[in-house]
Amino acid sequence: MKRFITLTGLFFSAHFTFVVNAADVGSPADMSDRYCTTCHGAKGEGNIAVQAPRLAGMEGWYLQRQLENFREGIRGTHTDDLQGIAMQSMAAKLTDASIADIVSWVGAWEFVAADVTIEGNVNRGRTAYQICASCHGTNAEGNEALGAPALAGQNDWYLLTQINNFRAGIRGTHPDDSFGAQMLAMSATLRDDQAITNVVSYINTLQK
């Protein structure tokens, strides 16, 4: 059975209709699925206007997991996650082969560290980050064995949004999102908005 997913007026004035067939999963990659630059920037640098994060330099294993999570509805289905809902609609039509193609394509993009847009108390952020370092690494370099992506060099406004989403239960509550559940618990250690700003400000000092 085919299901129709429509994304209208969320980020674009254009209207997209995707037809998804379960039998398509695992079929050859369709080069037309390479539409990431529409939101994430011509060079994958991220786009604050639509809250689309930097993809250039993102680990392939993490990008693959997130695309699969969006496709399966593990991420991007909470009613308060407007950006996630948009991404879930975009990912819903992807086949396994399309995801592999996108990961390979994005992997060839040159990494450029994101601009700093958030400032907080770096010293306090350094202290609070120590619990984050247990998974994401001392220098926020990420740890594939623990399923924790690199944070250094990512758009700080995106990190701020996602930490807030975890704290609010907007992300990480799906029963199949085991890594998200870990972040849900860890984000609770950041008591308020200022604490999150401080941690993100410290992460900004750890640019790759």
C-alpha atoms as a PDB file:
ATOM      1  CA  MET A   1       0.000   0.000   0.000  1.00  0.00           C
ATOM      2  CA  LYS A   2       1.281   3.445  -0.846  1.00  0.00           C
ATOM      3  CA  ARG A   3       0.966   6.364   1.493  1.00  0.00           C
ATOM      4  CA  PHE A   4       1.097   9.997   0.514  1.00  0.00           C
ATOM      5  CA  ILE A   5       3.002  12.491   2.640  1.00  0.00           C
ATOM      6  CA  THR A   6       2.562  16.189   1.964  1.00  0.00           C
ATOM      7  CA  LEU A   7       4.803  18.961   3.240  1.00  0.00           C
ATOM      8  CA  THR A   8       3.307  22.402   2.684  1.00  0.00           C
ATOM      9  CA  GLY A   9       4.341  25.860   3.690  1.00  0.00           C
ATOM     10  CA  LEU A  10       6.547  24.745   6.595  1.00  0.00           C
ATOM     11  CA  PHE A  11       9.825  25.951   5.183  1.00  0.00           C
ATOM     12  CA  PHE A  12       9.058  26.498   1.496  1.00  0.00           C
ATOM     13  CA  SER A  13       6.310  28.030  -0.589  1.00  0.00           C
ATOM     14  CA  ALA A  14       6.668  25.033  -2.885  1.00  0.00           C
ATOM     15  CA  HIS A  15       4.507  21.939  -2.393  1.00  0.00           C
ATOM     16  CA  PHE A  16       6.092  18.479  -2.235  1.00  0.00           C
ATOM     17  CA  THR A  17       4.184  15.197  -2.474  1.00  0.00           C
ATOM     18  CA  PHE A  18       6.093  11.974  -1.881  1.00  0.00           C
ATOM     19  CA  VAL A  19       4.810   8.497  -2.677  1.00  0.00           C
ATOM     20  CA  VAL A  20       6.299   5.774  -0.509  1.00  0.00           C
ATOM     21  CA  ASN A  21       6.127   2.074  -1.254  1.00  0.00           C
ATOM     22  CA  ALA A  22       7.495  -0.433   1.243  1.00  0.00           C
ATOM     23  CA  ALA A  23       8.815  -2.515  -1.641  1.00  0.00           C
ATOM     24  CA  ASP A  24      11.127   0.343  -2.610  1.00  0.00           C
ATOM     25  CA  VAL A  25      13.355  -0.123   0.452  1.00  0.00           C
ATOM     26  CA  GLY A  26      16.668  -1.554  -0.668  1.00  0.00           C
ATOM     27  CA  SER A  27      16.148  -0.726  -4.343  1.00  0.00           C
ATOM     28  CA  PRO A  28      18.855   1.088  -6.358  1.00  0.00           C
ATOM     29  CA  ALA A  29      19.603   4.673  -5.341  1.00  0.00           C
ATOM     30  CA  ASP A  30      17.717   7.445  -7.075  1.00  0.00           C
ATOM     31  CA  MET A  31      20.042  10.390  -7.698  1.00  0.00           C
ATOM     32  CA  SER A  32      17.036  12.713  -7.390  1.00  0.00           C
ATOM     33  CA  ASP A  33      17.074  11.972  -3.661  1.00  0.00           C
ATOM     34  CA  ARG A  34      20.095  14.250  -3.336  1.00  0.00           C
ATOM     35  CA  TYR A  35      18.051  17.278  -2.270  1.00  0.00           C
ATOM     36  CA  CYS A  36      19.795  17.928   1.069  1.00  0.00           C
ATOM     37  CA  THR A  37      21.313  21.204  -0.143  1.00  0.00           C
ATOM     38  CA  THR A  38      17.837  22.730  -0.462  1.00  0.00           C
ATOM     39  CA  CYS A  39      17.758  23.229   3.307  1.00  0.00           C
ATOM     40  CA  HIS A  40      21.244  22.428   4.573  1.00  0.00           C
ATOM     41  CA  GLY A  41      23.138  24.795   2.288  1.00  0.00           C
ATOM     42  CA  ALA A  42      24.951  24.480  -1.022  1.00  0.00           C
ATOM     43  CA  LYS A  43      28.060  23.248   0.783  1.00  0.00           C
ATOM     44  CA  GLY A  44      26.258  21.533   3.658  1.00  0.00           C
ATOM     45  CA  GLU A  45      27.155  24.382   5.980  1.00  0.00           C
ATOM     46  CA  GLY A  46      23.752  24.565   7.661  1.00  0.00           C
ATOM     47  CA  ASN A  47      20.958  27.128   7.402  1.00  0.00           C
ATOM     48  CA  ILE A  48      19.705  28.936  10.489  1.00  0.00           C
ATOM     49  CA  ALA A  49      16.674  30.295   8.620  1.00  0.00           C
ATOM     50  CA  VAL A  50      15.145  26.813   8.493  1.00  0.00           C
ATOM     51  CA  GLN A  51      17.089  25.383  11.461  1.00  0.00           C
ATOM     52  CA  ALA A  52      18.851  22.857   9.207  1.00  0.00           C
ATOM     53  CA  PRO A  53      22.222  21.829  10.708  1.00  0.00           C
ATOM     54  CA  ARG A  54      25.630  21.493   9.119  1.00  0.00           C
ATOM     55  CA  LEU A  55      26.063  18.179   7.323  1.00  0.00           C
ATOM     56  CA  ALA A  56      29.564  18.709   5.920  1.00  0.00           C
ATOM     57  CA  GLY A  57      31.939  16.820   8.181  1.00  0.00           C
ATOM     58  CA  MET A  58      29.185  14.866   9.926  1.00  0.00           C
ATOM     59  CA  GLU A  59      30.075  11.229  10.578  1.00  0.00           C
ATOM     60  CA  GLY A  60      28.577   8.889   7.992  1.00  0.00           C
ATOM     61  CA  TRP A  61      27.381   6.391  10.597  1.00  0.00           C
ATOM     62  CA  TYR A  62      25.521   9.112  12.492  1.00  0.00           C
ATOM     63  CA  LEU A  63      23.966  10.627   9.374  1.00  0.00           C
ATOM     64  CA  GLN A  64      22.796   7.169   8.294  1.00  0.00           C
ATOM     65  CA  ARG A  65      21.221   6.488  11.693  1.00  0.00           C
ATOM     66  CA  GLN A  66      19.381   9.786  11.736  1.00  0.00           C
ATOM     67  CA  LEU A  67      18.067   9.399   8.182  1.00  0.00           C
ATOM     68  CA  GLU A  68      16.817   5.929   9.079  1.00  0.00           C
ATOM     69  CA  ASN A  69      15.260   7.256  12.279  1.00  0.00           C
ATOM     70  CA  PHE A  70      13.448   9.981  10.390  1.00  0.00           C
ATOM     71  CA  ARG A  71      12.306   7.536   7.724  1.00  0.00           C
ATOM     72  CA  GLU A  72      10.932   5.083  10.274  1.00  0.00           C
ATOM     73  CA  GLY A  73       9.243   7.758  12.379  1.00  0.00           C
ATOM     74  CA  ILE A  74      11.582   7.202  15.320  1.00  0.00           C
ATOM     75  CA  ARG A  75      12.469  10.871  15.075  1.00  0.00           C
ATOM     76  CA  GLY A  76      10.462  13.799  13.738  1.00  0.00           C
ATOM     77  CA  THR A  77       6.945  12.862  14.798  1.00  0.00           C
ATOM     78  CA  HIS A  78       6.471  14.932  17.962  1.00  0.00           C
ATOM     79  CA  THR A  79       3.937  17.678  17.355  1.00  0.00           C
ATOM     80  CA  ASP A  80       6.264  20.342  18.788  1.00  0.00           C
ATOM     81  CA  ASP A  81       9.223  19.334  16.615  1.00  0.00           C
ATOM     82  CA  LEU A  82       8.447  21.403  13.529  1.00  0.00           C
ATOM     83  CA  GLN A  83      11.904  21.013  12.014  1.00  0.00           C
ATOM     84  CA  GLY A  84      11.873  17.286  12.715  1.00  0.00           C
ATOM     85  CA  ILE A  85       8.448  16.882  11.125  1.00  0.00           C
ATOM     86  CA  ALA A  86       9.727  18.570   7.978  1.00  0.00           C
ATOM     87  CA  MET A  87      12.765  16.294   7.901  1.00  0.00           C
ATOM     88  CA  GLN A  88      10.676  13.190   8.545  1.00  0.00           C
ATOM     89  CA  SER A  89       8.561  14.011   5.522  1.00  0.00           C
ATOM     90  CA  MET A  90      11.660  14.488   3.391  1.00  0.00           C
ATOM     91  CA  ALA A  91      13.230  11.216   4.569  1.00  0.00           C
ATOM     92  CA  ALA A  92      10.088   9.082   4.338  1.00  0.00           C
ATOM     93  CA  LYS A  93      10.631   8.251   0.657  1.00  0.00           C
ATOM     94  CA  LEU A  94      14.290   7.244   0.986  1.00  0.00           C
ATOM     95  CA  THR A  95      15.341   3.678   0.254  1.00  0.00           C
ATOM     96  CA  ASP A  96      18.287   1.966   1.941  1.00  0.00           C
ATOM     97  CA  ALA A  97      20.289   2.515  -1.234  1.00  0.00           C
ATOM     98  CA  SER A  98      19.315   6.185  -1.363  1.00  0.00           C
ATOM     99  CA  ILE A  99      20.502   6.674   2.195  1.00  0.00           C
ATOM    100  CA  ALA A 100      23.803   4.965   1.411  1.00  0.00           C
ATOM    101  CA  ASP A 101      24.197   7.221  -1.632  1.00  0.00           C
ATOM    102  CA  ILE A 102      23.456  10.370   0.390  1.00  0.00           C
ATOM    103  CA  VAL A 103      25.921   9.354   3.112  1.00  0.00           C
ATOM    104  CA  SER A 104      28.633   8.814   0.494  1.00  0.00           C
ATOM    105  CA  TRP A 105      27.787  12.078  -1.270  1.00  0.00           C
ATOM    106  CA  VAL A 106      27.783  14.155   1.919  1.00  0.00           C
ATOM    107  CA  GLY A 107      30.977  12.450   3.065  1.00  0.00           C
ATOM    108  CA  ALA A 108      32.824  14.060   0.166  1.00  0.00           C
ATOM    109  CA  TRP A 109      31.923  17.603   1.266  1.00  0.00           C
ATOM    110  CA  GLU A 110      34.650  19.717   2.820  1.00  0.00           C
ATOM    111  CA  PHE A 111      34.224  20.381   6.526  1.00  0.00           C
ATOM    112  CA  VAL A 112      34.041  24.020   7.540  1.00  0.00           C
ATOM    113  CA  ALA A 113      33.424  24.799  11.193  1.00  0.00           C
ATOM    114  CA  ALA A 114      30.204  26.676  11.848  1.00  0.00           C
ATOM    115  CA  ASP A 115      30.165  30.321  12.877  1.00  0.00           C
ATOM    116  CA  VAL A 116      29.788  31.140  16.547  1.00  0.00           C
ATOM    117  CA  THR A 117      26.426  32.773  17.301  1.00  0.00           C
ATOM    118  CA  ILE A 118      25.927  31.956  20.987  1.00  0.00           C
ATOM    119  CA  GLU A 119      27.891  33.297  23.935  1.00  0.00           C
ATOM    120  CA  GLY A 120      27.690  32.195  27.531  1.00  0.00           C
ATOM    121  CA  ASN A 121      29.921  31.510  30.514  1.00  0.00           C
ATOM    122  CA  VAL A 122      32.595  29.257  29.052  1.00  0.00           C
ATOM    123  CA  ASN A 123      34.095  28.346  32.413  1.00  0.00           C
ATOM    124  CA  ARG A 124      30.785  27.133  33.778  1.00  0.00           C
ATOM    125  CA  GLY A 125      30.126  25.416  30.492  1.00  0.00           C
ATOM    126  CA  ARG A 126      33.443  23.570  30.750  1.00  0.00           C
ATOM    127  CA  THR A 127      32.434  22.192  34.150  1.00  0.00           C
ATOM    128  CA  ALA A 128      28.970  21.162  32.975  1.00  0.00           C
ATOM    129  CA  TYR A 129      30.394  19.573  29.823  1.00  0.00           C
ATOM    130  CA  GLN A 130      32.348  16.965  31.770  1.00  0.00           C
ATOM    131  CA  ILE A 131      29.311  14.696  31.942  1.00  0.00           C
ATOM    132  CA  CYS A 132      28.856  15.121  28.171  1.00  0.00           C
ATOM    133  CA  ALA A 133      32.494  14.199  27.600  1.00  0.00           C
ATOM    134  CA  SER A 134      31.880  10.665  28.875  1.00  0.00           C
ATOM    135  CA  CYS A 135      30.152   9.933  25.557  1.00  0.00           C
ATOM    136  CA  HIS A 136      31.015  12.742  23.152  1.00  0.00           C
ATOM    137  CA  GLY A 137      34.711  12.902  24.018  1.00  0.00           C
ATOM    138  CA  THR A 138      36.938  15.359  25.842  1.00  0.00           C
ATOM    139  CA  ASN A 139      37.185  17.533  22.741  1.00  0.00           C
ATOM    140  CA  ALA A 140      33.618  16.849  21.567  1.00  0.00           C
ATOM    141  CA  GLU A 141      35.108  14.701  18.812  1.00  0.00           C
ATOM    142  CA  GLY A 142      32.421  12.025  19.091  1.00  0.00           C
ATOM    143  CA  ASN A 143      32.601   8.305  19.801  1.00  0.00           C
ATOM    144  CA  GLU A 144      31.163   5.843  17.297  1.00  0.00           C
ATOM    145  CA  ALA A 145      31.428   2.945  19.759  1.00  0.00           C
ATOM    146  CA  LEU A 146      29.014   4.768  22.052  1.00  0.00           C
ATOM    147  CA  GLY A 147      26.872   6.092  19.213  1.00  0.00           C
ATOM    148  CA  ALA A 148      27.707   9.686  20.211  1.00  0.00           C
ATOM    149  CA  PRO A 149      28.332  12.125  17.343  1.00  0.00           C
ATOM    150  CA  ALA A 150      30.934  14.873  17.264  1.00  0.00           C
ATOM    151  CA  LEU A 151      29.646  18.168  18.598  1.00  0.00           C
ATOM    152  CA  ALA A 152      32.667  20.337  17.825  1.00  0.00           C
ATOM    153  CA  GLY A 153      32.119  22.458  14.751  1.00  0.00           C
ATOM    154  CA  GLN A 154      28.355  21.949  14.630  1.00  0.00           C
ATOM    155  CA  ASN A 155      26.024  24.952  14.449  1.00  0.00           C
ATOM    156  CA  ASP A 156      25.672  26.197  18.015  1.00  0.00           C
ATOM    157  CA  TRP A 157      22.041  27.248  17.464  1.00  0.00           C
ATOM    158  CA  TYR A 158      21.271  23.688  16.389  1.00  0.00           C
ATOM    159  CA  LEU A 159      22.949  22.198  19.463  1.00  0.00           C
ATOM    160  CA  LEU A 160      20.965  24.591  21.656  1.00  0.00           C
ATOM    161  CA  THR A 161      17.680  23.567  20.002  1.00  0.00           C
ATOM    162  CA  GLN A 162      18.367  19.846  20.224  1.00  0.00           C
ATOM    163  CA  ILE A 163      19.434  19.925  23.874  1.00  0.00           C
ATOM    164  CA  ASN A 164      16.255  21.846  24.646  1.00  0.00           C
ATOM    165  CA  ASN A 165      14.267  19.274  22.661  1.00  0.00           C
ATOM    166  CA  PHE A 166      15.746  16.449  24.702  1.00  0.00           C
ATOM    167  CA  ARG A 167      15.073  18.281  27.970  1.00  0.00           C
ATOM    168  CA  ALA A 168      11.465  18.888  26.962  1.00  0.00           C
ATOM    169  CA  GLY A 169      10.884  15.308  25.790  1.00  0.00           C
ATOM    170  CA  ILE A 170      10.352  16.466  22.209  1.00  0.00           C
ATOM    171  CA  ARG A 171      13.192  14.203  21.115  1.00  0.00           C
ATOM    172  CA  GLY A 172      14.410  10.899  22.538  1.00  0.00           C
ATOM    173  CA  THR A 173      11.126   9.473  23.814  1.00  0.00           C
ATOM    174  CA  HIS A 174      10.406   6.958  21.039  1.00  0.00           C
ATOM    175  CA  PRO A 175      10.780   3.404  22.421  1.00  0.00           C
ATOM    176  CA  ASP A 176      13.148   2.464  19.584  1.00  0.00           C
ATOM    177  CA  ASP A 177      15.464   5.440  20.132  1.00  0.00           C
ATOM    178  CA  SER A 178      17.887   3.991  22.671  1.00  0.00           C
ATOM    179  CA  PHE A 179      20.565   6.607  22.009  1.00  0.00           C
ATOM    180  CA  GLY A 180      17.988   9.359  22.278  1.00  0.00           C
ATOM    181  CA  ALA A 181      16.861   7.979  25.624  1.00  0.00           C
ATOM    182  CA  GLN A 182      20.412   8.342  26.913  1.00  0.00           C
ATOM    183  CA  MET A 183      20.501  11.965  25.806  1.00  0.00           C
ATOM    184  CA  LEU A 184      17.095  12.531  27.368  1.00  0.00           C
ATOM    185  CA  ALA A 185      18.537  11.540  30.726  1.00  0.00           C
ATOM    186  CA  MET A 186      21.806  13.408  30.288  1.00  0.00           C
ATOM    187  CA  SER A 187      20.113  16.643  29.199  1.00  0.00           C
ATOM    188  CA  ALA A 188      18.192  16.686  32.481  1.00  0.00           C
ATOM    189  CA  THR A 189      21.461  17.478  34.250  1.00  0.00           C
ATOM    190  CA  LEU A 190      21.379  20.926  32.622  1.00  0.00           C
ATOM    191  CA  ARG A 191      19.039  22.736  34.956  1.00  0.00           C
ATOM    192  CA  ASP A 192      18.040  25.787  32.922  1.00  0.00           C
ATOM    193  CA  ASP A 193      18.451  27.703  29.672  1.00  0.00           C
ATOM    194  CA  GLN A 194      21.591  29.456  30.891  1.00  0.00           C
ATOM    195  CA  ALA A 195      23.270  26.141  31.699  1.00  0.00           C
ATOM    196  CA  ILE A 196      22.577  24.945  28.143  1.00  0.00           C
ATOM    197  CA  THR A 197      23.920  28.196  26.698  1.00  0.00           C
ATOM    198  CA  ASN A 198      27.071  27.815  28.787  1.00  0.00           C
ATOM    199  CA  VAL A 199      27.693  24.248  27.606  1.00  0.00           C
ATOM    200  CA  VAL A 200      27.167  25.150  23.965  1.00  0.00           C
ATOM    201  CA  SER A 201      29.486  28.136  24.380  1.00  0.00           C
ATOM    202  CA  TYR A 202      32.172  25.826  25.711  1.00  0.00           C
ATOM    203  CA  ILE A 203      31.662  23.404  22.829  1.00  0.00           C
ATOM    204  CA  ASN A 204      32.268  26.373  20.513  1.00  0.00           C
ATOM    205  CA  THR A 205      35.817  26.555  21.877  1.00  0.00           C
ATOM    206  CA  LEU A 206      36.442  22.958  20.778  1.00  0.00           C
ATOM    207  CA  GLN A 207      36.192  23.576  17.026  1.00  0.00           C
ATOM    208  CA  LYS A 208      37.785  20.815  14.951  1.00  0.00           C
END
